[in-house]
């Protein structure tokens, strides 16, 4: 009978101490902040973007020098809309 009481109280005490220790370890690991890594930045398309912007600037200057040869804003979309309204879908 003494062994049963000792084991019931002892195992309960061991479980309580173990639970408390686990809680303390998890609390310490949660407050641990790893050192910040430098942010990764994708710059593989930077050259392409610079070339595209330079070409767009050249196109803008050409349109500004000869205003009658290019479509005004919105006319390109209107032409596309007119072309697609007669498209037959389905079989």
N, C-alpha and C. Protein backbone atom coordinates (compact mmCIF):
# COMPACT_ATOMS: atom_id res chain seq x y z
N UNK A 1 0.81 -1.17 0.00
CA UNK A 1 0.00 0.00 0.00
C UNK A 1 0.87 1.25 0.00
N UNK A 2 1.97 1.23 0.69
CA UNK A 2 2.87 2.37 0.72
C UNK A 2 3.44 2.65 -0.67
N UNK A 3 3.71 1.59 -1.42
CA UNK A 3 4.24 1.75 -2.77
C UNK A 3 3.22 2.40 -3.69
N UNK A 4 1.93 2.05 -3.54
CA UNK A 4 0.89 2.63 -4.38
C UNK A 4 0.73 4.13 -4.11
N UNK A 5 0.77 4.52 -2.88
CA UNK A 5 0.63 5.93 -2.53
C UNK A 5 1.86 6.70 -3.01
N UNK A 6 3.03 6.10 -2.77
CA UNK A 6 4.26 6.74 -3.20
C UNK A 6 4.31 6.88 -4.72
N UNK A 7 3.90 5.84 -5.44
CA UNK A 7 3.94 5.92 -6.91
C UNK A 7 2.90 6.92 -7.43
N UNK A 8 1.71 6.97 -6.82
CA UNK A 8 0.67 7.90 -7.28
C UNK A 8 1.12 9.34 -7.05
N UNK A 9 1.66 9.64 -5.91
CA UNK A 9 2.11 10.99 -5.61
C UNK A 9 3.39 11.31 -6.38
N UNK A 10 4.31 10.35 -6.46
CA UNK A 10 5.59 10.56 -7.14
C UNK A 10 5.42 10.78 -8.64
N UNK A 11 4.60 9.92 -9.28
CA UNK A 11 4.38 10.09 -10.72
C UNK A 11 3.66 11.40 -11.03
N UNK A 12 2.72 11.75 -10.19
CA UNK A 12 2.03 13.04 -10.38
C UNK A 12 2.99 14.20 -10.24
N UNK A 13 3.87 14.12 -9.25
CA UNK A 13 4.86 15.17 -9.04
C UNK A 13 5.86 15.23 -10.20
N UNK A 14 6.28 14.08 -10.68
CA UNK A 14 7.20 14.04 -11.83
C UNK A 14 6.54 14.64 -13.07
N UNK A 15 5.28 14.31 -13.30
CA UNK A 15 4.56 14.86 -14.46
C UNK A 15 4.41 16.38 -14.34
N UNK A 16 4.14 16.86 -13.14
CA UNK A 16 3.99 18.30 -12.96
C UNK A 16 5.31 19.02 -13.19
N UNK A 17 6.40 18.49 -12.65
CA UNK A 17 7.71 19.11 -12.84
C UNK A 17 8.12 19.06 -14.31
N UNK A 18 7.88 17.95 -14.96
CA UNK A 18 8.20 17.83 -16.39
C UNK A 18 7.39 18.78 -17.24
N UNK A 19 6.10 18.94 -16.95
CA UNK A 19 5.26 19.88 -17.68
C UNK A 19 5.71 21.30 -17.50
N UNK A 20 6.08 21.65 -16.26
CA UNK A 20 6.58 22.99 -15.99
C UNK A 20 7.89 23.25 -16.73
N UNK A 21 8.79 22.27 -16.74
CA UNK A 21 10.06 22.42 -17.45
C UNK A 21 9.84 22.58 -18.95
N UNK A 22 8.92 21.79 -19.51
CA UNK A 22 8.62 21.90 -20.94
C UNK A 22 8.03 23.27 -21.28
N UNK A 23 7.17 23.77 -20.39
CA UNK A 23 6.58 25.08 -20.62
C UNK A 23 7.64 26.17 -20.59
N UNK A 24 8.59 26.08 -19.67
CA UNK A 24 9.66 27.07 -19.59
C UNK A 24 10.56 27.03 -20.82
N UNK A 25 10.86 25.83 -21.31
CA UNK A 25 11.71 25.71 -22.50
C UNK A 25 10.98 26.29 -23.72
N UNK A 26 9.70 25.98 -23.86
CA UNK A 26 8.96 26.51 -25.01
C UNK A 26 8.84 28.02 -24.94
N UNK A 27 8.73 28.56 -23.74
CA UNK A 27 8.65 30.01 -23.58
C UNK A 27 9.96 30.69 -23.96
N UNK A 28 11.06 30.07 -23.61
CA UNK A 28 12.37 30.63 -23.96
C UNK A 28 12.59 30.57 -25.47
N UNK A 29 12.19 29.47 -26.10
CA UNK A 29 12.41 29.35 -27.54
C UNK A 29 11.48 30.27 -28.33
N UNK A 30 10.32 30.59 -27.77
CA UNK A 30 9.40 31.49 -28.46
C UNK A 30 9.91 32.92 -28.41
N UNK A 31 10.62 33.30 -27.37
CA UNK A 31 11.12 34.66 -27.28
C UNK A 31 12.46 34.83 -27.99
N UNK A 32 13.05 33.76 -28.44
CA UNK A 32 14.32 33.83 -29.15
C UNK A 32 14.09 34.32 -30.56
N UNK A 33 14.72 35.43 -30.92
CA UNK A 33 14.60 35.97 -32.27
C UNK A 33 15.86 35.63 -33.05
N UNK A 34 15.72 34.90 -34.12
CA UNK A 34 16.91 34.59 -34.92
C UNK A 34 17.43 35.86 -35.59
N UNK A 35 18.69 35.92 -35.89
CA UNK A 35 19.22 37.12 -36.57
C UNK A 35 18.53 37.29 -37.93
N UNK A 36 18.27 38.54 -38.27
CA UNK A 36 17.56 38.81 -39.52
C UNK A 36 18.46 38.55 -40.72
N UNK A 37 17.90 37.87 -41.68
CA UNK A 37 18.61 37.63 -42.93
C UNK A 37 18.38 38.85 -43.83
N UNK A 38 19.33 39.17 -44.65
CA UNK A 38 19.08 40.27 -45.58
C UNK A 38 17.97 39.87 -46.56
N UNK A 39 17.12 40.80 -46.87
CA UNK A 39 16.00 40.52 -47.76
C UNK A 39 16.53 40.19 -49.15
N UNK A 40 16.03 39.10 -49.72
CA UNK A 40 16.43 38.70 -51.05
C UNK A 40 15.68 39.57 -52.06
N UNK A 41 16.38 40.04 -53.04
CA UNK A 41 15.77 40.91 -54.03
C UNK A 41 16.08 40.37 -55.41
N UNK A 42 15.05 40.24 -56.23
CA UNK A 42 15.21 39.74 -57.58
C UNK A 42 15.50 40.92 -58.50
N UNK A 43 16.73 40.99 -58.97
CA UNK A 43 17.09 42.08 -59.88
C UNK A 43 17.47 41.53 -61.26
N UNK A 44 16.97 40.35 -61.58
CA UNK A 44 17.32 39.73 -62.85
C UNK A 44 16.71 40.46 -64.05
N UNK A 45 15.63 41.20 -63.85
CA UNK A 45 14.98 41.88 -64.97
C UNK A 45 15.24 43.37 -65.00
N UNK A 46 16.15 43.86 -64.17
CA UNK A 46 16.41 45.31 -64.12
C UNK A 46 16.92 45.85 -65.44
N UNK A 47 17.85 45.15 -66.08
CA UNK A 47 18.37 45.61 -67.37
C UNK A 47 17.26 45.66 -68.41
N UNK A 48 16.43 44.63 -68.44
CA UNK A 48 15.34 44.58 -69.41
C UNK A 48 14.37 45.75 -69.17
N UNK A 49 14.08 46.04 -67.92
CA UNK A 49 13.17 47.16 -67.62
C UNK A 49 13.76 48.49 -68.05
N UNK A 50 15.07 48.68 -67.84
CA UNK A 50 15.70 49.92 -68.28
C UNK A 50 15.63 50.07 -69.80
N UNK A 51 15.89 48.99 -70.52
CA UNK A 51 15.80 49.04 -71.99
C UNK A 51 14.38 49.33 -72.44
N UNK A 52 13.40 48.72 -71.78
CA UNK A 52 12.00 48.93 -72.15
C UNK A 52 11.59 50.37 -71.89
N UNK A 53 12.01 50.94 -70.75
CA UNK A 53 11.68 52.34 -70.45
C UNK A 53 12.37 53.29 -71.43
N UNK A 54 13.60 52.99 -71.81
CA UNK A 54 14.30 53.83 -72.78
C UNK A 54 13.59 53.78 -74.13
N UNK A 55 13.16 52.59 -74.55
CA UNK A 55 12.44 52.45 -75.83
C UNK A 55 11.09 53.18 -75.75
N UNK A 56 10.42 53.10 -74.62
CA UNK A 56 9.14 53.79 -74.47
C UNK A 56 9.34 55.30 -74.54
N UNK A 57 10.43 55.78 -73.95
CA UNK A 57 10.71 57.22 -74.01
C UNK A 57 10.98 57.66 -75.44
N UNK A 58 11.71 56.85 -76.21
CA UNK A 58 11.96 57.17 -77.62
C UNK A 58 10.64 57.20 -78.38
N UNK A 59 9.77 56.22 -78.12
CA UNK A 59 8.46 56.19 -78.79
C UNK A 59 7.63 57.42 -78.42
N UNK A 60 7.67 57.84 -77.16
CA UNK A 60 6.92 59.04 -76.74
C UNK A 60 7.42 60.27 -77.47
N UNK A 61 8.72 60.40 -77.59
CA UNK A 61 9.27 61.56 -78.29
C UNK A 61 8.87 61.55 -79.77
N UNK A 62 8.88 60.38 -80.40
CA UNK A 62 8.48 60.29 -81.81
C UNK A 62 7.02 60.66 -81.98
N UNK A 63 6.17 60.21 -81.06
CA UNK A 63 4.74 60.56 -81.14
C UNK A 63 4.53 62.05 -80.92
N UNK A 64 5.33 62.66 -80.04
CA UNK A 64 5.19 64.09 -79.77
C UNK A 64 5.63 64.91 -80.98
N UNK A 65 6.63 64.44 -81.71
CA UNK A 65 7.12 65.18 -82.88
C UNK A 65 6.18 65.07 -84.06
N UNK A 66 5.47 63.96 -84.21
CA UNK A 66 4.55 63.79 -85.34
C UNK A 66 3.19 63.32 -84.82
N UNK A 67 2.35 64.27 -84.37
CA UNK A 67 1.08 63.90 -83.73
C UNK A 67 0.05 63.30 -84.69
N UNK A 68 0.12 63.53 -85.96
CA UNK A 68 -0.91 63.04 -86.88
C UNK A 68 -0.75 61.59 -87.29
N UNK A 69 0.40 60.99 -87.11
CA UNK A 69 0.64 59.63 -87.60
C UNK A 69 0.27 58.55 -86.61
N UNK A 70 0.06 58.89 -85.35
CA UNK A 70 -0.24 57.88 -84.33
C UNK A 70 -1.66 58.05 -83.84
N UNK A 71 -2.22 56.96 -83.32
CA UNK A 71 -3.58 57.00 -82.77
C UNK A 71 -3.57 57.71 -81.43
N UNK A 72 -4.66 58.39 -81.15
CA UNK A 72 -4.75 59.05 -79.85
C UNK A 72 -5.16 58.03 -78.79
N UNK A 73 -5.18 58.46 -77.57
CA UNK A 73 -5.50 57.57 -76.46
C UNK A 73 -6.90 57.01 -76.60
N UNK A 74 -7.03 55.71 -76.48
CA UNK A 74 -8.34 55.07 -76.54
C UNK A 74 -8.72 54.57 -77.91
N UNK A 75 -8.14 55.09 -78.97
CA UNK A 75 -8.52 54.64 -80.31
C UNK A 75 -8.04 53.21 -80.58
N UNK A 76 -6.90 52.83 -80.02
CA UNK A 76 -6.43 51.46 -80.21
C UNK A 76 -7.40 50.47 -79.58
N UNK A 77 -7.92 50.78 -78.39
CA UNK A 77 -8.86 49.90 -77.73
C UNK A 77 -10.18 49.84 -78.49
N UNK A 78 -10.61 50.96 -79.06
CA UNK A 78 -11.87 50.97 -79.82
C UNK A 78 -11.74 50.10 -81.06
N UNK A 79 -10.60 50.16 -81.73
CA UNK A 79 -10.42 49.33 -82.91
C UNK A 79 -10.44 47.85 -82.53
N UNK A 80 -9.79 47.51 -81.44
CA UNK A 80 -9.78 46.12 -80.99
C UNK A 80 -11.18 45.66 -80.63
N UNK A 81 -11.97 46.52 -79.97
CA UNK A 81 -13.32 46.17 -79.58
C UNK A 81 -14.19 45.95 -80.80
N UNK A 82 -14.02 46.77 -81.84
CA UNK A 82 -14.81 46.61 -83.05
C UNK A 82 -14.45 45.30 -83.74
N UNK A 83 -13.20 44.93 -83.72
CA UNK A 83 -12.76 43.71 -84.38
C UNK A 83 -13.31 42.48 -83.65
N UNK A 84 -13.37 42.52 -82.34
CA UNK A 84 -13.79 41.34 -81.58
C UNK A 84 -15.30 41.20 -81.49
N UNK A 85 -16.07 42.24 -81.82
CA UNK A 85 -17.52 42.12 -81.70
C UNK A 85 -18.09 41.19 -82.76
N UNK A 86 -17.38 40.98 -83.87
CA UNK A 86 -17.88 40.13 -84.95
C UNK A 86 -17.31 38.71 -84.88
N UNK A 87 -16.59 38.43 -83.82
CA UNK A 87 -16.03 37.08 -83.68
C UNK A 87 -17.10 36.12 -83.21
N UNK A 88 -17.19 34.98 -83.89
CA UNK A 88 -18.18 33.98 -83.54
C UNK A 88 -17.54 32.96 -82.62
N UNK A 89 -18.18 32.73 -81.50
CA UNK A 89 -17.68 31.75 -80.54
C UNK A 89 -18.54 30.49 -80.62
N UNK A 90 -17.90 29.38 -80.42
CA UNK A 90 -18.65 28.13 -80.40
C UNK A 90 -18.61 27.41 -81.73
N UNK A 91 -19.43 26.40 -81.87
CA UNK A 91 -19.36 25.55 -83.06
C UNK A 91 -20.44 25.83 -83.96
